[in-house]
Amino acid sequence: MFKIQRRAICALLLFAGLAPVHFASASNAVPEGPVRFVAPFVPGGTADVLARTIGQRLGSKYHRTFVVENKPGMGGNLGAAAVAQSKPDGSTLLLGTIGIHSTHSIYPKLQYNPDKDIQPIVILGGVPCVVAVNPSRPFHNLKELIAYAKANPGKLTFGSAGTGSSTHMVGELFQQAAGIKLTHVPYKGSAQAMNDLMGGQIDMMFELLTTATPFVTSGKIRGLAVTSKNRFTLLPNLPTVSEAAVPGFEGLGWFTVATASGVSKEIVAQYNKDINEILREPDLQKTWEGLALQIIGGSAEDARRYVASETVKWKKVIQTANIKSE
């Protein structure tokens, strides 16, 4: 089953032109030599594809190799810790997520302090989720699912990419908004969870559109709604959660490029400028659309403010649900 997903991801990578690159330096601010780009989840997910896309384009600008390293675990915090503890010279980057920047309080014994040891360079954008169920389950719309969940508290299981990940937190936000109780089953990445959803070992997921869309369109899972404010072009027939059952609901996963807090303002500013340019490159717009990425961009200071605001939002969800690491 995973091979199907990898083919879909590979198609996106090929479309973006992601071949190995070795180019000459375009900036004196960024240090010479190879750059390690940590994607803190297993290969094949949205974070992995974003890291490879951004890394390839930065490599072409700086005339050097960007090596993507997958380091999953602890909702992305295992990989983030490696970046936090790296040499603060800009030679190590992180593909950041909600789990790293805003829901790390779930893990009280981390080997680093995400608030102090990691700094966001830029917010890449947000990605909606699909509320999806195994096709054998008797839910054909969101109201049916909610009615069943209310009558059977805790019986339905939902998988995620890990505790504190966006696919977990959007599920928690949905439960609180809908007034239901589901049972969370964390995995080490969405690919494993998706395989179990298709196999019927779990009932449902709140999976990012990027990885869920091929399985919804092929009928391997049943999409009930999307978690964005508006319907999404990749799955135009799916209503929003707000339309279908929970007015006003919105829940997005979002992604950053980040680095160690000790990296200089000059290097951060250079990366920020060049990544913003990459986000606007005309030949990548269809790639972003295929990834369901709603571009945000902006300055490093904008990124810090965004992270701070989102941390307040998700802290309330964590406290209300009394979420702790397993």
Protein backbone atom coordinates (compact mmCIF):
# COMPACT_ATOMS: atom_id res chain seq x y z
CA MET A 1 0.00 0.00 0.00
CA PHE A 2 2.84 2.35 0.82
CA LYS A 3 4.19 1.93 -2.72
CA ILE A 4 1.09 3.67 -4.05
CA GLN A 5 1.77 6.68 -1.86
CA ARG A 6 5.45 6.77 -2.79
CA ARG A 7 4.52 6.82 -6.49
CA ALA A 8 2.25 9.80 -5.90
CA ILE A 9 4.96 11.63 -3.96
CA CYS A 10 7.60 10.77 -6.56
CA ALA A 11 5.39 12.26 -9.27
CA LEU A 12 5.30 15.54 -7.36
CA LEU A 13 9.07 15.47 -6.88
CA LEU A 14 9.66 14.85 -10.58
CA PHE A 15 7.24 17.62 -11.48
CA ALA A 16 9.24 20.02 -9.31
CA GLY A 17 12.45 18.94 -11.06
CA LEU A 18 14.15 17.56 -7.98
CA ALA A 19 17.40 16.15 -9.31
CA PRO A 20 20.68 16.24 -7.36
CA VAL A 21 22.31 19.63 -7.72
CA HIS A 22 25.78 21.13 -7.35
CA PHE A 23 25.93 24.86 -8.08
CA ALA A 24 28.13 27.89 -7.27
CA SER A 25 27.60 30.19 -4.32
CA ALA A 26 24.99 32.94 -4.68
CA SER A 27 25.50 34.49 -1.26
CA ASN A 28 28.29 35.18 1.19
CA ALA A 29 25.94 35.11 4.18
CA VAL A 30 25.25 31.37 3.97
CA PRO A 31 28.32 29.26 4.83
CA GLU A 32 30.19 27.23 2.25
CA GLY A 33 29.86 23.46 2.06
CA PRO A 34 26.91 21.05 2.14
CA VAL A 35 23.78 21.90 4.11
CA ARG A 36 21.88 19.30 6.12
CA PHE A 37 18.10 19.74 5.89
CA VAL A 38 16.32 17.70 8.58
CA ALA A 39 12.79 16.53 7.73
CA PRO A 40 11.65 15.10 11.09
CA PHE A 41 9.25 12.49 9.71
CA VAL A 42 9.50 9.35 7.58
CA PRO A 43 9.99 9.72 3.80
CA GLY A 44 6.96 10.26 1.58
CA GLY A 45 4.97 12.76 3.67
CA THR A 46 4.32 16.45 3.15
CA ALA A 47 7.27 17.58 5.32
CA ASP A 48 9.64 15.34 3.36
CA VAL A 49 8.45 16.62 -0.03
CA LEU A 50 8.64 20.25 1.10
CA ALA A 51 12.17 19.80 2.42
CA ARG A 52 13.32 18.23 -0.85
CA THR A 53 11.63 20.88 -2.99
CA ILE A 54 12.97 23.83 -1.00
CA GLY A 55 16.37 22.18 -0.55
CA GLN A 56 16.81 21.58 -4.28
CA ARG A 57 15.99 25.19 -5.13
CA LEU A 58 18.28 26.57 -2.40
CA GLY A 59 21.03 24.28 -3.72
CA SER A 60 20.67 25.83 -7.15
CA LYS A 61 20.92 29.33 -5.67
CA TYR A 62 23.93 28.60 -3.46
CA HIS A 63 25.84 26.24 -5.73
CA ARG A 64 26.07 23.47 -3.16
CA THR A 65 24.39 20.28 -2.05
CA PHE A 66 21.43 20.21 0.34
CA VAL A 67 21.12 16.77 1.92
CA VAL A 68 17.64 15.91 3.27
CA GLU A 69 17.83 13.75 6.38
CA ASN A 70 14.67 12.02 7.64
CA LYS A 71 14.72 11.79 11.43
CA PRO A 72 11.26 10.80 12.75
CA GLY A 73 10.12 10.52 16.34
CA MET A 74 8.33 12.40 19.15
CA GLY A 75 6.08 14.42 16.85
CA GLY A 76 9.09 15.80 14.98
CA ASN A 77 10.98 16.81 18.13
CA LEU A 78 13.68 14.17 17.76
CA GLY A 79 14.83 15.74 14.50
CA ALA A 80 14.35 19.25 15.87
CA ALA A 81 16.61 18.44 18.83
CA ALA A 82 19.39 17.46 16.42
CA VAL A 83 19.06 20.82 14.67
CA ALA A 84 18.96 22.72 17.97
CA GLN A 85 22.21 21.05 19.02
CA SER A 86 23.97 21.57 15.68
CA LYS A 87 26.70 24.11 14.97
CA PRO A 88 24.93 27.50 14.71
CA ASP A 89 26.43 28.48 11.37
CA GLY A 90 23.44 27.97 9.08
CA SER A 91 24.66 24.62 7.75
CA THR A 92 21.72 22.76 9.33
CA LEU A 93 18.07 23.53 8.59
CA LEU A 94 14.81 22.07 9.88
CA LEU A 95 11.46 21.53 8.19
CA GLY A 96 9.36 22.69 11.14
CA THR A 97 5.77 21.79 11.99
CA ILE A 98 3.08 22.48 14.58
CA GLY A 99 4.44 19.63 16.68
CA ILE A 100 7.84 21.29 16.95
CA HIS A 101 6.93 24.95 17.27
CA SER A 102 3.56 25.02 19.03
CA THR A 103 2.61 21.71 20.70
CA HIS A 104 5.92 20.64 22.21
CA SER A 105 4.53 21.09 25.74
CA ILE A 106 3.07 17.60 25.26
CA TYR A 107 6.65 16.33 25.73
CA PRO A 108 7.86 17.58 29.15
CA LYS A 109 11.28 15.89 28.98
CA LEU A 110 12.71 17.01 25.65
CA GLN A 111 16.48 17.24 25.27
CA TYR A 112 16.16 20.83 24.08
CA ASN A 113 13.94 23.87 24.62
CA PRO A 114 11.97 24.53 21.41
CA ASP A 115 11.13 28.09 22.46
CA LYS A 116 14.77 29.02 23.08
CA ASP A 117 16.84 26.67 20.91
CA ILE A 118 14.98 26.83 17.57
CA GLN A 119 14.12 29.91 15.51
CA PRO A 120 11.74 29.97 12.54
CA ILE A 121 13.16 31.45 9.34
CA VAL A 122 9.90 31.59 7.40
CA ILE A 123 6.39 30.14 7.46
CA LEU A 124 6.04 28.19 4.21
CA GLY A 125 2.28 27.79 4.34
CA GLY A 126 -0.69 25.83 5.63
CA VAL A 127 -2.22 22.57 4.44
CA PRO A 128 -5.83 21.53 5.18
CA CYS A 129 -6.70 18.03 6.35
CA VAL A 130 -9.27 15.56 5.08
CA VAL A 131 -11.59 13.88 7.57
CA ALA A 132 -11.40 10.37 6.13
CA VAL A 133 -12.73 6.96 7.14
CA ASN A 134 -12.22 3.39 6.05
CA PRO A 135 -14.73 2.63 3.26
CA SER A 136 -16.22 -0.26 5.22
CA ARG A 137 -17.40 2.07 7.99
CA PRO A 138 -21.06 3.11 7.77
CA PHE A 139 -20.41 6.85 7.58
CA HIS A 140 -21.14 8.64 4.33
CA ASN A 141 -21.15 12.17 5.71
CA LEU A 142 -19.83 14.03 8.72
CA LYS A 143 -23.16 14.23 10.53
CA GLU A 144 -23.44 10.44 10.53
CA LEU A 145 -19.94 10.11 11.96
CA ILE A 146 -20.58 12.66 14.70
CA ALA A 147 -23.90 11.05 15.64
CA TYR A 148 -22.21 7.66 15.98
CA ALA A 149 -19.33 9.11 18.00
CA LYS A 150 -21.72 10.81 20.40
CA ALA A 151 -23.60 7.54 20.92
CA ASN A 152 -20.36 5.56 21.30
CA PRO A 153 -17.77 7.73 23.13
CA GLY A 154 -14.20 6.60 22.53
CA LYS A 155 -15.12 3.72 20.25
CA LEU A 156 -13.87 5.26 17.01
CA THR A 157 -10.10 5.33 16.56
CA PHE A 158 -8.15 7.92 14.59
CA GLY A 159 -4.53 7.62 13.52
CA SER A 160 -1.96 10.38 13.19
CA ALA A 161 1.67 11.00 12.27
CA GLY A 162 2.48 11.13 15.98
CA THR A 163 1.47 12.76 19.24
CA GLY A 164 1.49 16.54 18.84
CA SER A 165 1.63 16.41 15.04
CA SER A 166 -0.79 18.49 12.98
CA THR A 167 -2.77 15.37 12.06
CA HIS A 168 -3.21 14.68 15.77
CA MET A 169 -3.97 18.24 16.86
CA VAL A 170 -6.56 18.90 14.14
CA GLY A 171 -8.29 15.73 15.34
CA GLU A 172 -8.27 17.00 18.92
CA LEU A 173 -9.62 20.39 17.83
CA PHE A 174 -12.38 18.64 15.89
CA GLN A 175 -13.40 16.55 18.90
CA GLN A 176 -13.69 19.62 21.08
CA ALA A 177 -15.64 21.57 18.46
CA ALA A 178 -18.01 18.68 17.69
CA GLY A 179 -18.47 17.58 21.29
CA ILE A 180 -17.33 13.99 20.73
CA LYS A 181 -14.68 11.62 22.07
CA LEU A 182 -12.39 9.62 19.77
CA THR A 183 -9.41 7.39 20.63
CA HIS A 184 -6.08 8.58 19.29
CA VAL A 185 -3.61 6.07 17.83
CA PRO A 186 -0.19 7.71 17.17
CA TYR A 187 2.18 6.38 14.50
CA LYS A 188 5.71 7.26 13.43
CA GLY A 189 4.53 9.09 10.34
CA SER A 190 1.37 9.29 8.26
CA ALA A 191 2.34 6.48 5.87
CA GLN A 192 1.96 3.80 8.54
CA ALA A 193 -1.30 5.29 9.75
CA MET A 194 -2.65 5.47 6.20
CA ASN A 195 -1.82 1.81 5.59
CA ASP A 196 -3.75 0.85 8.71
CA LEU A 197 -6.68 3.08 7.74
CA MET A 198 -6.91 1.37 4.36
CA GLY A 199 -6.55 -2.01 6.05
CA GLY A 200 -9.30 -1.27 8.58
CA GLN A 201 -7.10 -1.44 11.69
CA ILE A 202 -8.18 2.13 12.54
CA ASP A 203 -11.44 3.88 11.73
CA MET A 204 -10.42 7.33 10.57
CA MET A 205 -7.76 9.99 10.11
CA PHE A 206 -7.43 13.76 9.85
CA GLU A 207 -4.80 13.48 7.13
CA LEU A 208 -3.18 16.31 5.20
CA LEU A 209 -4.62 16.77 1.72
CA THR A 210 -1.19 16.26 0.21
CA THR A 211 -1.04 12.59 1.14
CA ALA A 212 -4.77 11.85 1.47
CA THR A 213 -5.96 13.05 -1.95
CA PRO A 214 -4.70 10.09 -4.08
CA PHE A 215 -6.34 7.61 -1.71
CA VAL A 216 -9.63 9.52 -1.62
CA THR A 217 -9.83 9.81 -5.41
CA SER A 218 -8.99 6.11 -5.84
CA GLY A 219 -11.66 5.08 -3.32
CA LYS A 220 -9.19 3.44 -0.94
CA ILE A 221 -10.44 5.74 1.82
CA ARG A 222 -13.66 7.75 2.03
CA GLY A 223 -13.32 11.51 2.44
CA LEU A 224 -16.10 13.18 4.40
CA ALA A 225 -14.94 16.80 4.63
CA VAL A 226 -11.95 19.15 4.47
CA THR A 227 -10.82 21.25 7.42
CA SER A 228 -10.16 24.51 5.55
CA LYS A 229 -12.46 27.56 5.50
CA ASN A 230 -13.32 26.96 1.85
CA ARG A 231 -13.60 23.91 -0.36
CA PHE A 232 -10.32 22.85 -1.90
CA THR A 233 -9.56 22.49 -5.60
CA LEU A 234 -7.98 19.04 -5.23
CA LEU A 235 -11.23 17.60 -3.82
CA PRO A 236 -13.92 20.08 -4.92
CA ASN A 237 -16.85 17.78 -4.14
CA LEU A 238 -15.96 17.45 -0.47
CA PRO A 239 -17.69 19.99 1.81
CA THR A 240 -15.82 21.81 4.52
CA VAL A 241 -16.30 20.70 8.13
CA SER A 242 -17.97 24.07 8.70
CA GLU A 243 -20.46 23.44 5.88
CA ALA A 244 -21.15 19.85 6.80
CA ALA A 245 -21.61 19.84 10.55
CA VAL A 246 -19.51 22.23 12.70
CA PRO A 247 -20.02 25.89 11.71
CA GLY A 248 -16.89 28.03 11.90
CA PHE A 249 -14.45 25.13 12.16
CA GLU A 250 -11.01 25.47 10.62
CA GLY A 251 -7.86 23.46 11.28
CA LEU A 252 -4.68 23.52 9.22
CA GLY A 253 -1.30 21.92 9.42
CA TRP A 254 1.51 24.40 8.72
CA PHE A 255 5.20 24.20 7.94
CA THR A 256 8.29 26.31 8.48
CA VAL A 257 11.92 26.34 7.60
CA ALA A 258 13.80 26.83 10.88
CA THR A 259 17.30 26.60 12.29
CA ALA A 260 19.22 26.75 15.57
CA SER A 261 18.62 29.90 17.62
CA GLY A 262 22.32 30.79 17.58
CA VAL A 263 22.42 31.28 13.81
CA SER A 264 23.09 34.93 12.98
CA LYS A 265 20.44 37.41 11.85
CA GLU A 266 22.35 37.90 8.59
CA ILE A 267 22.17 34.21 7.66
CA VAL A 268 18.52 33.97 8.70
CA ALA A 269 17.71 37.05 6.61
CA GLN A 270 19.47 35.57 3.58
CA TYR A 271 17.60 32.28 3.86
CA ASN A 272 14.33 34.14 4.43
CA LYS A 273 14.80 36.28 1.33
CA ASP A 274 15.69 33.35 -0.91
CA ILE A 275 12.96 31.02 0.37
CA ASN A 276 10.35 33.74 -0.17
CA GLU A 277 11.60 34.01 -3.75
CA ILE A 278 11.30 30.24 -4.17
CA LEU A 279 7.73 30.30 -2.88
CA ARG A 280 6.88 32.81 -5.64
CA GLU A 281 8.68 31.05 -8.51
CA PRO A 282 6.14 30.63 -11.36
CA ASP A 283 7.18 27.09 -12.25
CA LEU A 284 6.54 25.92 -8.67
CA GLN A 285 2.97 27.17 -8.35
CA LYS A 286 1.47 23.93 -9.65
CA THR A 287 3.73 22.03 -7.27
CA TRP A 288 2.37 24.00 -4.31
CA GLU A 289 -1.16 23.41 -5.60
CA GLY A 290 -0.44 19.69 -5.84
CA LEU A 291 0.81 19.75 -2.26
CA ALA A 292 -2.33 21.67 -1.19
CA LEU A 293 0.01 24.28 0.27
CA GLN A 294 -1.57 27.66 0.94
CA ILE A 295 1.50 29.92 0.74
CA ILE A 296 2.17 32.31 3.65
CA GLY A 297 5.80 33.50 3.48
CA GLY A 298 6.82 36.82 5.05
CA SER A 299 9.70 37.96 7.23
CA ALA A 300 11.43 36.06 10.03
CA GLU A 301 9.71 38.38 12.49
CA ASP A 302 6.36 37.54 10.88
CA ALA A 303 7.20 33.88 11.41
CA ARG A 304 7.97 34.41 15.09
CA ARG A 305 4.67 36.21 15.62
CA TYR A 306 2.76 33.50 13.76
CA VAL A 307 4.35 30.75 15.86
CA ALA A 308 3.59 32.63 19.09
CA SER A 309 -0.07 33.06 18.13
CA GLU A 310 -0.46 29.43 17.11
CA THR A 311 1.21 28.26 20.32
CA VAL A 312 -1.44 30.06 22.38
CA LYS A 313 -4.19 28.46 20.27
CA TRP A 314 -2.89 24.91 20.51
CA LYS A 315 -1.93 25.19 24.18
CA LYS A 316 -5.63 25.66 24.95
CA VAL A 317 -6.47 22.52 22.96
CA ILE A 318 -3.76 20.55 24.77
CA GLN A 319 -4.89 21.70 28.20
CA THR A 320 -8.57 21.06 27.50
CA ALA A 321 -7.87 17.52 26.29
CA ASN A 322 -5.17 16.93 28.94
CA ILE A 323 -2.83 15.58 26.25
CA LYS A 324 0.46 14.04 27.37
CA SER A 325 3.10 12.08 25.53
CA GLU A 326 2.64 8.33 25.46
